[in-house]
Amino acid sequence: MSLLESGENYLEAILMLSKKQKDIHAIDIVNQLKYSKPSVSIMLKKLKENGYILIDANSHILLTEKGFKVAEKIYTRHTCLTEFLEKIGVPNGIAEEDACKIEHDLSDETFEAIQKLTKKI
């Protein structure tokens, strides 16, 4: 499975939720991403089949090492891009939304340049 933007968003949401709470269930992802329960169920099944997440006997969702690497990369991009956009004057809410839009498509080289510049500002 080639992990597309939507899959990356799910993994990032799971990571973000894991920073706030111990146990993560599908309903938490529904509430976080504002997607329908059937859509979340279908994507979680795909992520599990492809080794990005585990779902235990109590329906707790856990990132595998493979899933964590992707989630951490996207989360790092999101936070850095949000910070960069805010530093150049973009209001917080808009910066968050725009960061979410561009975090998936940015080349590693461009992201590294933005990351360096953000640290200097």
Foldseek 3Di string as FASTA:
>chain_A
DPQDLVLLVLLLQLVVVVVVDPFDALVSSCVVVVDDSVVSVVSVVVCVVVQQWDQDPVRTIGGDPVSNVSNVQLNVQLVLQLLLCVVVPDDNVVSNVVSSVCSRPDDPVVSVVSNVVSVVD
